Amino acid sequence: MALQFPELYNIAITKRISIADLNRKGIGTIKFRRDFQGDKFRNWERILLSWEQLTLDDNCSDRVWWTLSKNGKFTVKSFYR
């Protein structure tokens, strides 16, 4: 969510939750500091629609994907992205 929807991530209270936890507890587990409207609301609707179409395998664990930075190196900044 942080990369695709930074405006929602910035107002999210729930920032560190695994996909496995969201799968168990539901997408409504994500809480925000304030209500949103306009583009933020439309983006939240996109997230909800994507979540409904998502199929998860309970026998898999979450993984961290560390992509390279633009110069092709592993950096802490590229890890957080």
N, C-alpha and C. Protein backbone atom coordinates (compact mmCIF):
# COMPACT_ATOMS: atom_id res chain seq x y z
N MET A 1 0.82 -1.19 0.00
CA MET A 1 0.00 0.00 0.00
C MET A 1 0.87 1.25 0.00
N ALA A 2 2.00 1.19 0.66
CA ALA A 2 2.85 2.37 0.78
C ALA A 2 3.33 2.87 -0.57
N LEU A 3 3.62 1.96 -1.49
CA LEU A 3 4.14 2.38 -2.79
C LEU A 3 3.04 2.78 -3.76
N GLN A 4 1.96 2.02 -3.80
CA GLN A 4 0.90 2.30 -4.76
C GLN A 4 -0.03 3.40 -4.29
N PHE A 5 -0.23 3.51 -2.99
CA PHE A 5 -1.19 4.47 -2.44
C PHE A 5 -0.59 5.23 -1.26
N PRO A 6 0.46 6.02 -1.51
CA PRO A 6 1.14 6.70 -0.40
C PRO A 6 0.23 7.66 0.37
N GLU A 7 -0.75 8.26 -0.30
CA GLU A 7 -1.64 9.19 0.40
C GLU A 7 -2.50 8.47 1.43
N LEU A 8 -2.84 7.22 1.19
CA LEU A 8 -3.57 6.43 2.18
C LEU A 8 -2.63 5.91 3.25
N TYR A 9 -1.47 5.47 2.84
CA TYR A 9 -0.49 4.95 3.80
C TYR A 9 -0.11 6.03 4.81
N ASN A 10 0.01 7.26 4.36
CA ASN A 10 0.40 8.35 5.26
C ASN A 10 -0.62 8.61 6.36
N ILE A 11 -1.88 8.31 6.11
CA ILE A 11 -2.90 8.55 7.15
C ILE A 11 -3.34 7.25 7.84
N ALA A 12 -2.69 6.14 7.50
CA ALA A 12 -3.02 4.85 8.12
C ALA A 12 -2.44 4.76 9.52
N ILE A 13 -3.23 4.25 10.43
CA ILE A 13 -2.75 3.93 11.78
C ILE A 13 -2.09 2.56 11.74
N THR A 14 -2.73 1.64 11.02
CA THR A 14 -2.24 0.27 10.89
C THR A 14 -1.26 0.22 9.73
N LYS A 15 0.03 0.30 10.03
CA LYS A 15 1.04 0.32 8.98
C LYS A 15 1.82 -0.98 8.87
N ARG A 16 1.91 -1.71 9.94
CA ARG A 16 2.72 -2.93 9.93
C ARG A 16 1.83 -4.12 10.23
N ILE A 17 1.28 -4.70 9.18
CA ILE A 17 0.45 -5.89 9.32
C ILE A 17 0.74 -6.80 8.14
N SER A 18 0.86 -8.06 8.41
CA SER A 18 1.18 -9.00 7.33
C SER A 18 -0.07 -9.32 6.52
N ILE A 19 0.14 -9.80 5.33
CA ILE A 19 -0.97 -10.23 4.49
C ILE A 19 -1.70 -11.39 5.16
N ALA A 20 -0.96 -12.27 5.81
CA ALA A 20 -1.58 -13.40 6.52
C ALA A 20 -2.54 -12.90 7.60
N ASP A 21 -2.13 -11.87 8.36
CA ASP A 21 -3.01 -11.30 9.39
C ASP A 21 -4.23 -10.64 8.76
N LEU A 22 -4.03 -9.92 7.66
CA LEU A 22 -5.17 -9.31 6.96
C LEU A 22 -6.12 -10.38 6.45
N ASN A 23 -5.58 -11.47 5.99
CA ASN A 23 -6.40 -12.57 5.50
C ASN A 23 -7.25 -13.16 6.63
N ARG A 24 -6.65 -13.30 7.80
CA ARG A 24 -7.37 -13.85 8.97
C ARG A 24 -8.36 -12.85 9.55
N LYS A 25 -7.92 -11.61 9.74
CA LYS A 25 -8.72 -10.62 10.45
C LYS A 25 -9.63 -9.80 9.55
N GLY A 26 -9.31 -9.71 8.27
CA GLY A 26 -10.11 -8.94 7.33
C GLY A 26 -9.47 -7.60 7.01
N ILE A 27 -9.77 -7.11 5.82
CA ILE A 27 -9.20 -5.84 5.34
C ILE A 27 -9.64 -4.67 6.22
N GLY A 28 -10.76 -4.82 6.90
CA GLY A 28 -11.25 -3.77 7.80
C GLY A 28 -10.36 -3.56 9.01
N THR A 29 -9.36 -4.42 9.18
CA THR A 29 -8.39 -4.27 10.27
C THR A 29 -7.56 -3.01 10.10
N ILE A 30 -7.40 -2.58 8.85
CA ILE A 30 -6.63 -1.36 8.59
C ILE A 30 -7.43 -0.16 9.05
N LYS A 31 -6.87 0.62 9.94
CA LYS A 31 -7.53 1.81 10.49
C LYS A 31 -6.79 3.06 10.03
N PHE A 32 -7.54 4.13 9.90
CA PHE A 32 -6.99 5.41 9.43
C PHE A 32 -7.23 6.49 10.48
N ARG A 33 -6.37 7.51 10.46
CA ARG A 33 -6.48 8.62 11.41
C ARG A 33 -7.68 9.50 11.12
N ARG A 34 -8.15 9.52 9.89
CA ARG A 34 -9.31 10.35 9.54
C ARG A 34 -10.04 9.73 8.36
N ASP A 35 -11.26 10.18 8.18
CA ASP A 35 -12.04 9.74 7.03
C ASP A 35 -11.44 10.33 5.76
N PHE A 36 -11.74 9.72 4.65
CA PHE A 36 -11.24 10.26 3.40
C PHE A 36 -12.35 10.31 2.37
N GLN A 37 -12.13 11.15 1.39
CA GLN A 37 -13.08 11.32 0.30
C GLN A 37 -12.31 11.61 -0.98
N GLY A 38 -13.02 11.75 -2.08
CA GLY A 38 -12.38 12.06 -3.35
C GLY A 38 -11.44 10.96 -3.79
N ASP A 39 -10.23 11.35 -4.20
CA ASP A 39 -9.24 10.39 -4.70
C ASP A 39 -8.87 9.34 -3.66
N LYS A 40 -8.76 9.76 -2.42
CA LYS A 40 -8.41 8.80 -1.36
C LYS A 40 -9.50 7.75 -1.23
N PHE A 41 -10.74 8.16 -1.30
CA PHE A 41 -11.84 7.21 -1.20
C PHE A 41 -11.85 6.27 -2.41
N ARG A 42 -11.65 6.80 -3.59
CA ARG A 42 -11.60 5.96 -4.80
C ARG A 42 -10.44 4.97 -4.74
N ASN A 43 -9.31 5.40 -4.23
CA ASN A 43 -8.18 4.48 -4.09
C ASN A 43 -8.47 3.39 -3.07
N TRP A 44 -9.16 3.73 -1.99
CA TRP A 44 -9.54 2.71 -1.00
C TRP A 44 -10.50 1.70 -1.63
N GLU A 45 -11.41 2.18 -2.46
CA GLU A 45 -12.30 1.27 -3.17
C GLU A 45 -11.52 0.34 -4.09
N ARG A 46 -10.48 0.85 -4.73
CA ARG A 46 -9.62 0.01 -5.59
C ARG A 46 -8.94 -1.07 -4.76
N ILE A 47 -8.47 -0.71 -3.58
CA ILE A 47 -7.83 -1.69 -2.69
C ILE A 47 -8.83 -2.76 -2.29
N LEU A 48 -10.02 -2.35 -1.91
CA LEU A 48 -11.05 -3.31 -1.50
C LEU A 48 -11.41 -4.26 -2.64
N LEU A 49 -11.56 -3.74 -3.83
CA LEU A 49 -11.88 -4.57 -4.99
C LEU A 49 -10.74 -5.56 -5.27
N SER A 50 -9.52 -5.09 -5.21
CA SER A 50 -8.37 -5.97 -5.42
C SER A 50 -8.33 -7.06 -4.36
N TRP A 51 -8.64 -6.69 -3.12
CA TRP A 51 -8.61 -7.66 -2.01
C TRP A 51 -9.64 -8.75 -2.22
N GLU A 52 -10.83 -8.38 -2.70
CA GLU A 52 -11.89 -9.36 -2.95
C GLU A 52 -11.47 -10.37 -4.01
N GLN A 53 -10.66 -9.94 -4.96
CA GLN A 53 -10.24 -10.81 -6.06
C GLN A 53 -8.98 -11.61 -5.74
N LEU A 54 -8.39 -11.36 -4.60
CA LEU A 54 -7.13 -11.99 -4.21
C LEU A 54 -7.38 -13.38 -3.66
N THR A 55 -6.59 -14.34 -4.10
CA THR A 55 -6.64 -15.70 -3.57
C THR A 55 -5.32 -15.98 -2.88
N LEU A 56 -5.40 -16.37 -1.63
CA LEU A 56 -4.19 -16.64 -0.85
C LEU A 56 -4.13 -18.11 -0.47
N ASP A 57 -2.93 -18.62 -0.36
CA ASP A 57 -2.69 -19.99 0.06
C ASP A 57 -2.25 -19.95 1.51
N ASP A 58 -3.03 -20.58 2.39
CA ASP A 58 -2.71 -20.57 3.82
C ASP A 58 -1.44 -21.33 4.16
N ASN A 59 -0.94 -22.14 3.26
CA ASN A 59 0.25 -22.94 3.54
C ASN A 59 1.54 -22.23 3.17
N CYS A 60 1.47 -20.95 2.82
CA CYS A 60 2.65 -20.18 2.46
C CYS A 60 2.88 -19.09 3.50
N SER A 61 4.12 -18.73 3.68
CA SER A 61 4.43 -17.63 4.59
C SER A 61 4.73 -16.37 3.78
N ASP A 62 4.59 -15.22 4.43
CA ASP A 62 4.91 -13.96 3.78
C ASP A 62 6.41 -13.91 3.50
N ARG A 63 6.77 -13.18 2.46
CA ARG A 63 8.17 -13.02 2.11
C ARG A 63 8.48 -11.55 1.92
N VAL A 64 9.70 -11.21 2.19
CA VAL A 64 10.17 -9.86 1.94
C VAL A 64 10.92 -9.88 0.62
N TRP A 65 10.55 -9.01 -0.31
CA TRP A 65 11.23 -8.89 -1.59
C TRP A 65 12.07 -7.64 -1.54
N TRP A 66 13.36 -7.79 -1.74
CA TRP A 66 14.28 -6.66 -1.68
C TRP A 66 14.73 -6.36 -3.10
N THR A 67 14.19 -5.30 -3.66
CA THR A 67 14.54 -4.95 -5.03
C THR A 67 15.77 -4.04 -5.04
N LEU A 68 16.45 -4.05 -6.14
CA LEU A 68 17.63 -3.23 -6.27
C LEU A 68 17.27 -1.76 -6.40
N SER A 69 18.16 -0.90 -5.97
CA SER A 69 17.97 0.54 -6.20
C SER A 69 18.23 0.82 -7.67
N LYS A 70 18.00 2.04 -8.10
CA LYS A 70 18.14 2.40 -9.52
C LYS A 70 19.55 2.15 -10.06
N ASN A 71 20.55 2.26 -9.18
CA ASN A 71 21.93 2.04 -9.64
C ASN A 71 22.33 0.57 -9.57
N GLY A 72 21.37 -0.31 -9.23
CA GLY A 72 21.64 -1.75 -9.23
C GLY A 72 22.23 -2.29 -7.95
N LYS A 73 22.21 -1.51 -6.87
CA LYS A 73 22.80 -1.95 -5.60
C LYS A 73 21.70 -2.22 -4.58
N PHE A 74 22.03 -3.08 -3.62
CA PHE A 74 21.15 -3.29 -2.48
C PHE A 74 21.46 -2.20 -1.45
N THR A 75 20.47 -1.44 -1.08
CA THR A 75 20.65 -0.41 -0.06
C THR A 75 19.53 -0.52 0.95
N VAL A 76 19.71 0.06 2.11
CA VAL A 76 18.65 0.07 3.12
C VAL A 76 17.41 0.77 2.56
N LYS A 77 17.62 1.86 1.84
CA LYS A 77 16.50 2.59 1.24
C LYS A 77 15.73 1.70 0.26
N SER A 78 16.46 0.93 -0.56
CA SER A 78 15.78 0.05 -1.51
C SER A 78 15.04 -1.06 -0.76
N PHE A 79 15.54 -1.49 0.39
CA PHE A 79 14.86 -2.49 1.20
C PHE A 79 13.51 -1.96 1.69
N TYR A 80 13.48 -0.74 2.18
CA TYR A 80 12.23 -0.19 2.71
C TYR A 80 11.20 0.08 1.63
N ARG A 81 11.66 0.29 0.40
CA ARG A 81 10.72 0.44 -0.71
C ARG A 81 10.08 -0.87 -1.02
